[in-house]
Amino acid sequence: MASPDIVRLVEREIDRQLSQSGEVPTLPGIASRLHLHVRALQRQLGQRHVAFRQLLDDRRRHRAMREVAAWQHDLANVAARLGYSDQAHFTRAFRRWTGLSPTAYRKAIGKPDRDTG
């Protein structure tokens, strides 16, 4: 029987793996962590009309936009933290998501105010 929260479980696991390792989470790795066979996980996601690749891309996009907007890390570090092999691949993905390069996005939103006291 399919878990009603399988999408959220997969999203949480993707976030956890990105936070801990900076390596790209894989379908077999996520399935293993959730104690499911790869095909069972694919089937459960398919029942919800979502693909693992789509979830991975969505979670990376969400984290990338948050980290780029926070200005806490240089862009090469953000790319590595999200499992991109180099900054150029990250920049292409970011441009696909937003229509802007990470640098242009940062310029457009401006640096966040920081309280000093």
PDB file of N, CA and C in Angstrom:
ATOM      1  N   MET A   1       0.847  -1.183   0.000  1.00  0.00           N
ATOM      2  CA  MET A   1       0.000   0.000   0.000  1.00  0.00           C
ATOM      3  C   MET A   1       0.889   1.241   0.000  1.00  0.00           C
ATOM      4  N   ALA A   2       0.517   2.251  -0.765  1.00  0.00           N
ATOM      5  CA  ALA A   2       1.302   3.474  -0.892  1.00  0.00           C
ATOM      6  C   ALA A   2       1.102   4.369   0.324  1.00  0.00           C
ATOM      7  N   SER A   3       2.206   4.909   0.794  1.00  0.00           N
ATOM      8  CA  SER A   3       2.150   5.847   1.897  1.00  0.00           C
ATOM      9  C   SER A   3       1.583   7.170   1.408  1.00  0.00           C
ATOM     10  N   PRO A   4       0.622   7.753   2.140  1.00  0.00           N
ATOM     11  CA  PRO A   4       0.043   9.013   1.684  1.00  0.00           C
ATOM     12  C   PRO A   4       1.051  10.165   1.702  1.00  0.00           C
ATOM     13  N   ASP A   5       2.121  10.037   2.471  1.00  0.00           N
ATOM     14  CA  ASP A   5       3.088  11.111   2.596  1.00  0.00           C
ATOM     15  C   ASP A   5       4.406  10.778   1.901  1.00  0.00           C
ATOM     16  N   ILE A   6       4.397   9.882   0.943  1.00  0.00           N
ATOM     17  CA  ILE A   6       5.641   9.436   0.320  1.00  0.00           C
ATOM     18  C   ILE A   6       6.392  10.599  -0.325  1.00  0.00           C
ATOM     19  N   VAL A   7       5.673  11.533  -0.921  1.00  0.00           N
ATOM     20  CA  VAL A   7       6.335  12.673  -1.557  1.00  0.00           C
ATOM     21  C   VAL A   7       7.067  13.491  -0.500  1.00  0.00           C
ATOM     22  N   ARG A   8       6.405  13.764   0.622  1.00  0.00           N
ATOM     23  CA  ARG A   8       7.054  14.532   1.698  1.00  0.00           C
ATOM     24  C   ARG A   8       8.229  13.772   2.300  1.00  0.00           C
ATOM     25  N   LEU A   9       8.095  12.471   2.434  1.00  0.00           N
ATOM     26  CA  LEU A   9       9.202  11.669   2.960  1.00  0.00           C
ATOM     27  C   LEU A   9      10.420  11.738   2.041  1.00  0.00           C
ATOM     28  N   VAL A  10      10.176  11.635   0.755  1.00  0.00           N
ATOM     29  CA  VAL A  10      11.273  11.711  -0.217  1.00  0.00           C
ATOM     30  C   VAL A  10      11.888  13.107  -0.196  1.00  0.00           C
ATOM     31  N   GLU A  11      11.057  14.133  -0.161  1.00  0.00           N
ATOM     32  CA  GLU A  11      11.573  15.505  -0.115  1.00  0.00           C
ATOM     33  C   GLU A  11      12.439  15.716   1.129  1.00  0.00           C
ATOM     34  N   ARG A  12      11.971  15.245   2.264  1.00  0.00           N
ATOM     35  CA  ARG A  12      12.737  15.377   3.508  1.00  0.00           C
ATOM     36  C   ARG A  12      14.076  14.661   3.424  1.00  0.00           C
ATOM     37  N   GLU A  13      14.055  13.474   2.837  1.00  0.00           N
ATOM     38  CA  GLU A  13      15.287  12.700   2.711  1.00  0.00           C
ATOM     39  C   GLU A  13      16.258  13.373   1.734  1.00  0.00           C
ATOM     40  N   ILE A  14      15.739  13.930   0.654  1.00  0.00           N
ATOM     41  CA  ILE A  14      16.593  14.674  -0.286  1.00  0.00           C
ATOM     42  C   ILE A  14      17.233  15.851   0.446  1.00  0.00           C
ATOM     43  N   ASP A  15      16.429  16.613   1.186  1.00  0.00           N
ATOM     44  CA  ASP A  15      16.957  17.760   1.941  1.00  0.00           C
ATOM     45  C   ASP A  15      18.023  17.316   2.940  1.00  0.00           C
ATOM     46  N   ARG A  16      17.759  16.233   3.645  1.00  0.00           N
ATOM     47  CA  ARG A  16      18.709  15.736   4.632  1.00  0.00           C
ATOM     48  C   ARG A  16      20.035  15.381   3.984  1.00  0.00           C
ATOM     49  N   GLN A  17      19.961  14.664   2.865  1.00  0.00           N
ATOM     50  CA  GLN A  17      21.195  14.250   2.198  1.00  0.00           C
ATOM     51  C   GLN A  17      21.948  15.432   1.621  1.00  0.00           C
ATOM     52  N   LEU A  18      21.245  16.402   1.066  1.00  0.00           N
ATOM     53  CA  LEU A  18      21.915  17.594   0.543  1.00  0.00           C
ATOM     54  C   LEU A  18      22.573  18.377   1.677  1.00  0.00           C
ATOM     55  N   SER A  19      21.906  18.457   2.814  1.00  0.00           N
ATOM     56  CA  SER A  19      22.459  19.188   3.957  1.00  0.00           C
ATOM     57  C   SER A  19      23.691  18.512   4.531  1.00  0.00           C
ATOM     58  N   GLN A  20      23.692  17.207   4.545  1.00  0.00           N
ATOM     59  CA  GLN A  20      24.778  16.481   5.186  1.00  0.00           C
ATOM     60  C   GLN A  20      25.970  16.244   4.286  1.00  0.00           C
ATOM     61  N   SER A  21      25.730  15.935   3.034  1.00  0.00           N
ATOM     62  CA  SER A  21      26.846  15.462   2.226  1.00  0.00           C
ATOM     63  C   SER A  21      27.205  16.353   1.050  1.00  0.00           C
ATOM     64  N   GLY A  22      26.252  17.107   0.536  1.00  0.00           N
ATOM     65  CA  GLY A  22      26.512  17.877  -0.664  1.00  0.00           C
ATOM     66  C   GLY A  22      26.613  16.996  -1.901  1.00  0.00           C
ATOM     67  N   GLU A  23      26.262  15.727  -1.751  1.00  0.00           N
ATOM     68  CA  GLU A  23      26.244  14.822  -2.892  1.00  0.00           C
ATOM     69  C   GLU A  23      24.823  14.735  -3.424  1.00  0.00           C
ATOM     70  N   VAL A  24      24.709  14.434  -4.685  1.00  0.00           N
ATOM     71  CA  VAL A  24      23.393  14.324  -5.294  1.00  0.00           C
ATOM     72  C   VAL A  24      22.704  13.061  -4.785  1.00  0.00           C
ATOM     73  N   PRO A  25      21.561  13.209  -4.124  1.00  0.00           N
ATOM     74  CA  PRO A  25      20.815  12.029  -3.692  1.00  0.00           C
ATOM     75  C   PRO A  25      20.378  11.204  -4.899  1.00  0.00           C
ATOM     76  N   THR A  26      20.347   9.901  -4.724  1.00  0.00           N
ATOM     77  CA  THR A  26      19.950   9.003  -5.804  1.00  0.00           C
ATOM     78  C   THR A  26      18.672   8.263  -5.422  1.00  0.00           C
ATOM     79  N   LEU A  27      17.964   7.812  -6.437  1.00  0.00           N
ATOM     80  CA  LEU A  27      16.753   7.033  -6.198  1.00  0.00           C
ATOM     81  C   LEU A  27      17.059   5.773  -5.378  1.00  0.00           C
ATOM     82  N   PRO A  28      18.085   4.997  -5.738  1.00  0.00           N
ATOM     83  CA  PRO A  28      18.378   3.814  -4.909  1.00  0.00           C
ATOM     84  C   PRO A  28      18.746   4.177  -3.469  1.00  0.00           C
ATOM     85  N   GLY A  29      19.473   5.262  -3.295  1.00  0.00           N
ATOM     86  CA  GLY A  29      19.855   5.681  -1.939  1.00  0.00           C
ATOM     87  C   GLY A  29      18.657   6.095  -1.108  1.00  0.00           C
ATOM     88  N   ILE A  30      17.759   6.840  -1.699  1.00  0.00           N
ATOM     89  CA  ILE A  30      16.542   7.277  -0.999  1.00  0.00           C
ATOM     90  C   ILE A  30      15.657   6.067  -0.699  1.00  0.00           C
ATOM     91  N   ALA A  31      15.493   5.189  -1.673  1.00  0.00           N
ATOM     92  CA  ALA A  31      14.671   3.994  -1.466  1.00  0.00           C
ATOM     93  C   ALA A  31      15.217   3.176  -0.300  1.00  0.00           C
ATOM     94  N   SER A  32      16.514   3.016  -0.255  1.00  0.00           N
ATOM     95  CA  SER A  32      17.144   2.264   0.827  1.00  0.00           C
ATOM     96  C   SER A  32      16.867   2.908   2.184  1.00  0.00           C
ATOM     97  N   ARG A  33      17.024   4.225   2.266  1.00  0.00           N
ATOM     98  CA  ARG A  33      16.778   4.941   3.526  1.00  0.00           C
ATOM     99  C   ARG A  33      15.322   4.812   3.970  1.00  0.00           C
ATOM    100  N   LEU A  34      14.416   4.689   3.010  1.00  0.00           N
ATOM    101  CA  LEU A  34      12.994   4.558   3.334  1.00  0.00           C
ATOM    102  C   LEU A  34      12.559   3.098   3.456  1.00  0.00           C
ATOM    103  N   HIS A  35      13.521   2.195   3.349  1.00  0.00           N
ATOM    104  CA  HIS A  35      13.265   0.751   3.449  1.00  0.00           C
ATOM    105  C   HIS A  35      12.270   0.271   2.395  1.00  0.00           C
ATOM    106  N   LEU A  36      12.488   0.749   1.159  1.00  0.00           N
ATOM    107  CA  LEU A  36      11.660   0.350   0.033  1.00  0.00           C
ATOM    108  C   LEU A  36      12.553  -0.144  -1.095  1.00  0.00           C
ATOM    109  N   HIS A  37      12.009  -0.988  -1.947  1.00  0.00           N
ATOM    110  CA  HIS A  37      12.706  -1.345  -3.170  1.00  0.00           C
ATOM    111  C   HIS A  37      12.578  -0.155  -4.125  1.00  0.00           C
ATOM    112  N   VAL A  38      13.544   0.012  -4.987  1.00  0.00           N
ATOM    113  CA  VAL A  38      13.551   1.132  -5.929  1.00  0.00           C
ATOM    114  C   VAL A  38      12.255   1.153  -6.728  1.00  0.00           C
ATOM    115  N   ARG A  39      11.878   0.010  -7.254  1.00  0.00           N
ATOM    116  CA  ARG A  39      10.663  -0.053  -8.082  1.00  0.00           C
ATOM    117  C   ARG A  39       9.421   0.308  -7.274  1.00  0.00           C
ATOM    118  N   ALA A  40       9.357  -0.096  -6.011  1.00  0.00           N
ATOM    119  CA  ALA A  40       8.205   0.246  -5.165  1.00  0.00           C
ATOM    120  C   ALA A  40       8.122   1.755  -4.957  1.00  0.00           C
ATOM    121  N   LEU A  41       9.268   2.389  -4.743  1.00  0.00           N
ATOM    122  CA  LEU A  41       9.275   3.834  -4.573  1.00  0.00           C
ATOM    123  C   LEU A  41       8.857   4.528  -5.874  1.00  0.00           C
ATOM    124  N   GLN A  42       9.385   4.065  -6.993  1.00  0.00           N
ATOM    125  CA  GLN A  42       8.985   4.637  -8.284  1.00  0.00           C
ATOM    126  C   GLN A  42       7.476   4.513  -8.498  1.00  0.00           C
ATOM    127  N   ARG A  43       6.944   3.365  -8.162  1.00  0.00           N
ATOM    128  CA  ARG A  43       5.514   3.110  -8.345  1.00  0.00           C
ATOM    129  C   ARG A  43       4.687   4.053  -7.450  1.00  0.00           C
ATOM    130  N   GLN A  44       5.103   4.202  -6.191  1.00  0.00           N
ATOM    131  CA  GLN A  44       4.368   5.074  -5.270  1.00  0.00           C
ATOM    132  C   GLN A  44       4.415   6.537  -5.721  1.00  0.00           C
ATOM    133  N   LEU A  45       5.571   6.962  -6.193  1.00  0.00           N
ATOM    134  CA  LEU A  45       5.670   8.332  -6.702  1.00  0.00           C
ATOM    135  C   LEU A  45       4.835   8.494  -7.972  1.00  0.00           C
ATOM    136  N   GLY A  46       4.874   7.484  -8.827  1.00  0.00           N
ATOM    137  CA  GLY A  46       4.091   7.515 -10.057  1.00  0.00           C
ATOM    138  C   GLY A  46       2.599   7.614  -9.786  1.00  0.00           C
ATOM    139  N   GLN A  47       2.141   6.983  -8.711  1.00  0.00           N
ATOM    140  CA  GLN A  47       0.727   7.074  -8.344  1.00  0.00           C
ATOM    141  C   GLN A  47       0.341   8.510  -7.991  1.00  0.00           C
ATOM    142  N   ARG A  48       1.322   9.293  -7.639  1.00  0.00           N
ATOM    143  CA  ARG A  48       1.087  10.708  -7.317  1.00  0.00           C
ATOM    144  C   ARG A  48       1.506  11.626  -8.461  1.00  0.00           C
ATOM    145  N   HIS A  49       1.810  11.012  -9.604  1.00  0.00           N
ATOM    146  CA  HIS A  49       2.168  11.747 -10.826  1.00  0.00           C
ATOM    147  C   HIS A  49       3.400  12.623 -10.636  1.00  0.00           C
ATOM    148  N   VAL A  50       4.373  12.074  -9.931  1.00  0.00           N
ATOM    149  CA  VAL A  50       5.612  12.796  -9.710  1.00  0.00           C
ATOM    150  C   VAL A  50       6.780  11.832  -9.905  1.00  0.00           C
ATOM    151  N   ALA A  51       7.853  12.332 -10.457  1.00  0.00           N
ATOM    152  CA  ALA A  51       9.054  11.525 -10.668  1.00  0.00           C
ATOM    153  C   ALA A  51      10.118  11.945  -9.662  1.00  0.00           C
ATOM    154  N   PHE A  52      10.980  11.010  -9.297  1.00  0.00           N
ATOM    155  CA  PHE A  52      12.063  11.306  -8.374  1.00  0.00           C
ATOM    156  C   PHE A  52      12.894  12.473  -8.882  1.00  0.00           C
ATOM    157  N   ARG A  53      13.221  12.460 -10.149  1.00  0.00           N
ATOM    158  CA  ARG A  53      14.051  13.517 -10.752  1.00  0.00           C
ATOM    159  C   ARG A  53      13.412  14.886 -10.548  1.00  0.00           C
ATOM    160  N   GLN A  54      12.082  14.947 -10.686  1.00  0.00           N
ATOM    161  CA  GLN A  54      11.342  16.195 -10.495  1.00  0.00           C
ATOM    162  C   GLN A  54      11.456  16.671  -9.042  1.00  0.00           C
ATOM    163  N   LEU A  55      11.307  15.741  -8.098  1.00  0.00           N
ATOM    164  CA  LEU A  55      11.433  16.105  -6.683  1.00  0.00           C
ATOM    165  C   LEU A  55      12.835  16.600  -6.362  1.00  0.00           C
ATOM    166  N   LEU A  56      13.835  15.910  -6.893  1.00  0.00           N
ATOM    167  CA  LEU A  56      15.219  16.315  -6.665  1.00  0.00           C
ATOM    168  C   LEU A  56      15.460  17.712  -7.226  1.00  0.00           C
ATOM    169  N   ASP A  57      15.001  17.963  -8.425  1.00  0.00           N
ATOM    170  CA  ASP A  57      15.180  19.270  -9.044  1.00  0.00           C
ATOM    171  C   ASP A  57      14.454  20.350  -8.242  1.00  0.00           C
ATOM    172  N   ASP A  58      13.241  20.070  -7.796  1.00  0.00           N
ATOM    173  CA  ASP A  58      12.471  21.039  -7.009  1.00  0.00           C
ATOM    174  C   ASP A  58      13.164  21.365  -5.686  1.00  0.00           C
ATOM    175  N   ARG A  59      13.688  20.353  -5.011  1.00  0.00           N
ATOM    176  CA  ARG A  59      14.357  20.590  -3.725  1.00  0.00           C
ATOM    177  C   ARG A  59      15.658  21.360  -3.924  1.00  0.00           C
ATOM    178  N   ARG A  60      16.393  21.030  -4.967  1.00  0.00           N
ATOM    179  CA  ARG A  60      17.627  21.774  -5.252  1.00  0.00           C
ATOM    180  C   ARG A  60      17.301  23.228  -5.588  1.00  0.00           C
ATOM    181  N   ARG A  61      16.257  23.440  -6.375  1.00  0.00           N
ATOM    182  CA  ARG A  61      15.842  24.812  -6.722  1.00  0.00           C
ATOM    183  C   ARG A  61      15.488  25.597  -5.467  1.00  0.00           C
ATOM    184  N   HIS A  62      14.674  24.995  -4.620  1.00  0.00           N
ATOM    185  CA  HIS A  62      14.240  25.660  -3.390  1.00  0.00           C
ATOM    186  C   HIS A  62      15.443  26.053  -2.523  1.00  0.00           C
ATOM    187  N   ARG A  63      16.346  25.108  -2.324  1.00  0.00           N
ATOM    188  CA  ARG A  63      17.535  25.383  -1.504  1.00  0.00           C
ATOM    189  C   ARG A  63      18.456  26.398  -2.175  1.00  0.00           C
ATOM    190  N   ALA A  64      18.608  26.289  -3.489  1.00  0.00           N
ATOM    191  CA  ALA A  64      19.490  27.207  -4.214  1.00  0.00           C
ATOM    192  C   ALA A  64      18.986  28.639  -4.086  1.00  0.00           C
ATOM    193  N   MET A  65      17.711  28.839  -4.296  1.00  0.00           N
ATOM    194  CA  MET A  65      17.174  30.195  -4.214  1.00  0.00           C
ATOM    195  C   MET A  65      17.333  30.756  -2.805  1.00  0.00           C
ATOM    196  N   ARG A  66      17.114  29.928  -1.810  1.00  0.00           N
ATOM    197  CA  ARG A  66      17.266  30.377  -0.420  1.00  0.00           C
ATOM    198  C   ARG A  66      18.723  30.717  -0.113  1.00  0.00           C
ATOM    199  N   GLU A  67      19.648  29.835  -0.532  1.00  0.00           N
ATOM    200  CA  GLU A  67      21.057  30.065  -0.225  1.00  0.00           C
ATOM    201  C   GLU A  67      21.646  31.222  -1.016  1.00  0.00           C
ATOM    202  N   VAL A  68      21.254  31.364  -2.268  1.00  0.00           N
ATOM    203  CA  VAL A  68      21.749  32.492  -3.062  1.00  0.00           C
ATOM    204  C   VAL A  68      21.236  33.799  -2.464  1.00  0.00           C
ATOM    205  N   ALA A  69      19.971  33.834  -2.072  1.00  0.00           N
ATOM    206  CA  ALA A  69      19.381  35.050  -1.503  1.00  0.00           C
ATOM    207  C   ALA A  69      19.981  35.401  -0.141  1.00  0.00           C
ATOM    208  N   ALA A  70      20.455  34.422   0.604  1.00  0.00           N
ATOM    209  CA  ALA A  70      20.997  34.667   1.944  1.00  0.00           C
ATOM    210  C   ALA A  70      22.386  35.302   1.921  1.00  0.00           C
ATOM    211  N   TRP A  71      23.125  35.168   0.821  1.00  0.00           N
ATOM    212  CA  TRP A  71      24.461  35.750   0.674  1.00  0.00           C
ATOM    213  C   TRP A  71      25.457  35.199   1.695  1.00  0.00           C
ATOM    214  N   GLN A  72      25.202  34.063   2.315  1.00  0.00           N
ATOM    215  CA  GLN A  72      26.103  33.542   3.342  1.00  0.00           C
ATOM    216  C   GLN A  72      27.287  32.783   2.758  1.00  0.00           C
ATOM    217  N   HIS A  73      27.165  32.294   1.536  1.00  0.00           N
ATOM    218  CA  HIS A  73      28.219  31.500   0.913  1.00  0.00           C
ATOM    219  C   HIS A  73      28.484  32.030  -0.484  1.00  0.00           C
ATOM    220  N   ASP A  74      29.730  31.883  -0.926  1.00  0.00           N
ATOM    221  CA  ASP A  74      29.995  32.239  -2.313  1.00  0.00           C
ATOM    222  C   ASP A  74      29.308  31.212  -3.214  1.00  0.00           C
ATOM    223  N   LEU A  75      29.144  31.565  -4.463  1.00  0.00           N
ATOM    224  CA  LEU A  75      28.350  30.729  -5.371  1.00  0.00           C
ATOM    225  C   LEU A  75      28.985  29.371  -5.634  1.00  0.00           C
ATOM    226  N   ALA A  76      30.296  29.294  -5.656  1.00  0.00           N
ATOM    227  CA  ALA A  76      30.959  27.997  -5.832  1.00  0.00           C
ATOM    228  C   ALA A  76      30.631  27.080  -4.659  1.00  0.00           C
ATOM    229  N   ASN A  77      30.566  27.643  -3.458  1.00  0.00           N
ATOM    230  CA  ASN A  77      30.232  26.854  -2.269  1.00  0.00           C
ATOM    231  C   ASN A  77      28.780  26.401  -2.320  1.00  0.00           C
ATOM    232  N   VAL A  78      27.888  27.288  -2.740  1.00  0.00           N
ATOM    233  CA  VAL A  78      26.465  26.917  -2.876  1.00  0.00           C
ATOM    234  C   VAL A  78      26.333  25.767  -3.868  1.00  0.00           C
ATOM    235  N   ALA A  79      27.018  25.875  -4.993  1.00  0.00           N
ATOM    236  CA  ALA A  79      26.969  24.817  -6.011  1.00  0.00           C
ATOM    237  C   ALA A  79      27.430  23.486  -5.425  1.00  0.00           C
ATOM    238  N   ALA A  80      28.542  23.500  -4.699  1.00  0.00           N
ATOM    239  CA  ALA A  80      29.068  22.267  -4.102  1.00  0.00           C
ATOM    240  C   ALA A  80      28.110  21.712  -3.053  1.00  0.00           C
ATOM    241  N   ARG A  81      27.522  22.581  -2.248  1.00  0.00           N
ATOM    242  CA  ARG A  81      26.591  22.145  -1.194  1.00  0.00           C
ATOM    243  C   ARG A  81      25.349  21.486  -1.784  1.00  0.00           C
ATOM    244  N   LEU A  82      25.004  21.858  -3.016  1.00  0.00           N
ATOM    245  CA  LEU A  82      23.825  21.281  -3.661  1.00  0.00           C
ATOM    246  C   LEU A  82      24.166  20.110  -4.575  1.00  0.00           C
ATOM    247  N   GLY A  83      25.425  19.697  -4.558  1.00  0.00           N
ATOM    248  CA  GLY A  83      25.828  18.510  -5.300  1.00  0.00           C
ATOM    249  C   GLY A  83      26.154  18.739  -6.760  1.00  0.00           C
ATOM    250  N   TYR A  84      26.385  19.974  -7.162  1.00  0.00           N
ATOM    251  CA  TYR A  84      26.778  20.238  -8.547  1.00  0.00           C
ATOM    252  C   TYR A  84      28.285  20.046  -8.682  1.00  0.00           C
ATOM    253  N   SER A  85      28.694  19.463  -9.791  1.00  0.00           N
ATOM    254  CA  SER A  85      30.107  19.153  -9.988  1.00  0.00           C
ATOM    255  C   SER A  85      30.945  20.412 -10.159  1.00  0.00           C
ATOM    256  N   ASP A  86      30.326  21.484 -10.623  1.00  0.00           N
ATOM    257  CA  ASP A  86      31.039  22.759 -10.731  1.00  0.00           C
ATOM    258  C   ASP A  86      30.024  23.894 -10.790  1.00  0.00           C
ATOM    259  N   GLN A  87      30.527  25.107 -10.661  1.00  0.00           N
ATOM    260  CA  GLN A  87      29.656  26.272 -10.619  1.00  0.00           C
ATOM    261  C   GLN A  87      28.931  26.490 -11.943  1.00  0.00           C
ATOM    262  N   ALA A  88      29.539  26.111 -13.061  1.00  0.00           N
ATOM    263  CA  ALA A  88      28.896  26.301 -14.371  1.00  0.00           C
ATOM    264  C   ALA A  88      27.608  25.480 -14.473  1.00  0.00           C
ATOM    265  N   HIS A  89      27.630  24.236 -13.996  1.00  0.00           N
ATOM    266  CA  HIS A  89      26.414  23.412 -14.023  1.00  0.00           C
ATOM    267  C   HIS A  89      25.332  24.020 -13.137  1.00  0.00           C
ATOM    268  N   PHE A  90      25.740  24.503 -11.971  1.00  0.00           N
ATOM    269  CA  PHE A  90      24.801  25.149 -11.063  1.00  0.00           C
ATOM    270  C   PHE A  90      24.189  26.392 -11.717  1.00  0.00           C
ATOM    271  N   THR A  91      25.023  27.191 -12.351  1.00  0.00           N
ATOM    272  CA  THR A  91      24.545  28.416 -12.992  1.00  0.00           C
ATOM    273  C   THR A  91      23.528  28.100 -14.089  1.00  0.00           C
ATOM    274  N   ARG A  92      23.777  27.062 -14.872  1.00  0.00           N
ATOM    275  CA  ARG A  92      22.813  26.675 -15.913  1.00  0.00           C
ATOM    276  C   ARG A  92      21.476  26.242 -15.301  1.00  0.00           C
ATOM    277  N   ALA A  93      21.543  25.459 -14.232  1.00  0.00           N
ATOM    278  CA  ALA A  93      20.310  25.026 -13.575  1.00  0.00           C
ATOM    279  C   ALA A  93      19.572  26.223 -12.982  1.00  0.00           C
ATOM    280  N   PHE A  94      20.302  27.119 -12.331  1.00  0.00           N
ATOM    281  CA  PHE A  94      19.680  28.289 -11.711  1.00  0.00           C
ATOM    282  C   PHE A  94      19.011  29.166 -12.774  1.00  0.00           C
ATOM    283  N   ARG A  95      19.673  29.325 -13.903  1.00  0.00           N
ATOM    284  CA  ARG A  95      19.105  30.121 -14.992  1.00  0.00           C
ATOM    285  C   ARG A  95      17.841  29.454 -15.539  1.00  0.00           C
ATOM    286  N   ARG A  96      17.841  28.129 -15.610  1.00  0.00           N
ATOM    287  CA  ARG A  96      16.645  27.394 -16.068  1.00  0.00           C
ATOM    288  C   ARG A  96      15.482  27.631 -15.101  1.00  0.00           C
ATOM    289  N   TRP A  97      15.783  27.667 -13.801  1.00  0.00           N
ATOM    290  CA  TRP A  97      14.741  27.851 -12.795  1.00  0.00           C
ATOM    291  C   TRP A  97      14.201  29.268 -12.741  1.00  0.00           C
ATOM    292  N   THR A  98      15.086  30.256 -12.870  1.00  0.00           N
ATOM    293  CA  THR A  98      14.703  31.642 -12.591  1.00  0.00           C
ATOM    294  C   THR A  98      14.774  32.578 -13.788  1.00  0.00           C
ATOM    295  N   GLY A  99      15.490  32.168 -14.828  1.00  0.00           N
ATOM    296  CA  GLY A  99      15.714  33.063 -15.946  1.00  0.00           C
ATOM    297  C   GLY A  99      16.897  33.997 -15.723  1.00  0.00           C
ATOM    298  N   LEU A 100      17.534  33.893 -14.561  1.00  0.00           N
ATOM    299  CA  LEU A 100      18.678  34.732 -14.203  1.00  0.00           C
ATOM    300  C   LEU A 100      19.838  33.871 -13.740  1.00  0.00           C
ATOM    301  N   SER A 101      21.045  34.385 -13.891  1.00  0.00           N
ATOM    302  CA  SER A 101      22.190  33.715 -13.283  1.00  0.00           C
ATOM    303  C   SER A 101      22.126  33.970 -11.773  1.00  0.00           C
ATOM    304  N   PRO A 102      22.805  33.167 -10.969  1.00  0.00           N
ATOM    305  CA  PRO A 102      22.814  33.426  -9.524  1.00  0.00           C
ATOM    306  C   PRO A 102      23.328  34.830  -9.186  1.00  0.00           C
ATOM    307  N   THR A 103      24.343  35.296  -9.900  1.00  0.00           N
ATOM    308  CA  THR A 103      24.886  36.632  -9.651  1.00  0.00           C
ATOM    309  C   THR A 103      23.845  37.703  -9.966  1.00  0.00           C
ATOM    310  N   ALA A 104      23.166  37.576 -11.112  1.00  0.00           N
ATOM    311  CA  ALA A 104      22.128  38.541 -11.476  1.00  0.00           C
ATOM    312  C   ALA A 104      20.969  38.492 -10.490  1.00  0.00           C
ATOM    313  N   TYR A 105      20.621  37.302 -10.007  1.00  0.00           N
ATOM    314  CA  TYR A 105      19.554  37.149  -9.020  1.00  0.00           C
ATOM    315  C   TYR A 105      19.932  37.880  -7.736  1.00  0.00           C
ATOM    316  N   ARG A 106      21.176  37.699  -7.283  1.00  0.00           N
ATOM    317  CA  ARG A 106      21.626  38.390  -6.076  1.00  0.00           C
ATOM    318  C   ARG A 106      21.551  39.904  -6.261  1.00  0.00           C
ATOM    319  N   LYS A 107      21.988  40.377  -7.393  1.00  0.00           N
ATOM    320  CA  LYS A 107      21.942  41.821  -7.652  1.00  0.00           C
ATOM    321  C   LYS A 107      20.506  42.321  -7.666  1.00  0.00           C
ATOM    322  N   ALA A 108      19.597  41.532  -8.252  1.00  0.00           N
ATOM    323  CA  ALA A 108      18.199  41.935  -8.363  1.00  0.00           C
ATOM    324  C   ALA A 108      17.510  42.028  -7.004  1.00  0.00           C
ATOM    325  N   ILE A 109      17.829  41.110  -6.100  1.00  0.00           N
ATOM    326  CA  ILE A 109      17.154  41.121  -4.793  1.00  0.00           C
ATOM    327  C   ILE A 109      17.882  41.970  -3.774  1.00  0.00           C
ATOM    328  N   GLY A 110      19.155  42.249  -4.010  1.00  0.00           N
ATOM    329  CA  GLY A 110      19.932  43.049  -3.069  1.00  0.00           C
ATOM    330  C   GLY A 110      20.372  42.239  -1.868  1.00  0.00           C
ATOM    331  N   LYS A 111      21.353  42.771  -1.193  1.00  0.00           N
ATOM    332  CA  LYS A 111      21.897  42.089  -0.008  1.00  0.00           C
ATOM    333  C   LYS A 111      20.942  42.307   1.164  1.00  0.00           C
ATOM    334  N   PRO A 112      20.656  41.255   1.931  1.00  0.00           N
ATOM    335  CA  PRO A 112      19.738  41.399   3.062  1.00  0.00           C
ATOM    336  C   PRO A 112      20.345  42.281   4.145  1.00  0.00           C
ATOM    337  N   ASP A 113      19.484  43.032   4.836  1.00  0.00           N
ATOM    338  CA  ASP A 113      19.945  43.828   5.966  1.00  0.00           C
ATOM    339  C   ASP A 113      20.294  42.912   7.114  1.00  0.00           C
ATOM    340  N   ARG A 114      21.344  43.234   7.781  1.00  0.00           N
ATOM    341  CA  ARG A 114      21.757  42.463   8.969  1.00  0.00           C
ATOM    342  C   ARG A 114      21.754  43.400  10.159  1.00  0.00           C
ATOM    343  N   ASP A 115      21.144  42.967  11.238  1.00  0.00           N
ATOM    344  CA  ASP A 115      21.206  43.747  12.476  1.00  0.00           C
ATOM    345  C   ASP A 115      22.594  43.661  13.042  1.00  0.00           C
ATOM    346  N   THR A 116      23.127  44.760  13.437  1.00  0.00           N
ATOM    347  CA  THR A 116      24.475  44.754  14.019  1.00  0.00           C
ATOM    348  C   THR A 116      24.418  44.907  15.523  1.00  0.00           C
ATOM    349  N   GLY A 117      23.271  45.093  16.076  1.00  0.00           N
ATOM    350  CA  GLY A 117      23.225  45.297  17.522  1.00  0.00           C
ATOM    351  C   GLY A 117      22.225  44.432  18.102  1.00  0.00           C
TER     352      GLY A 117
END
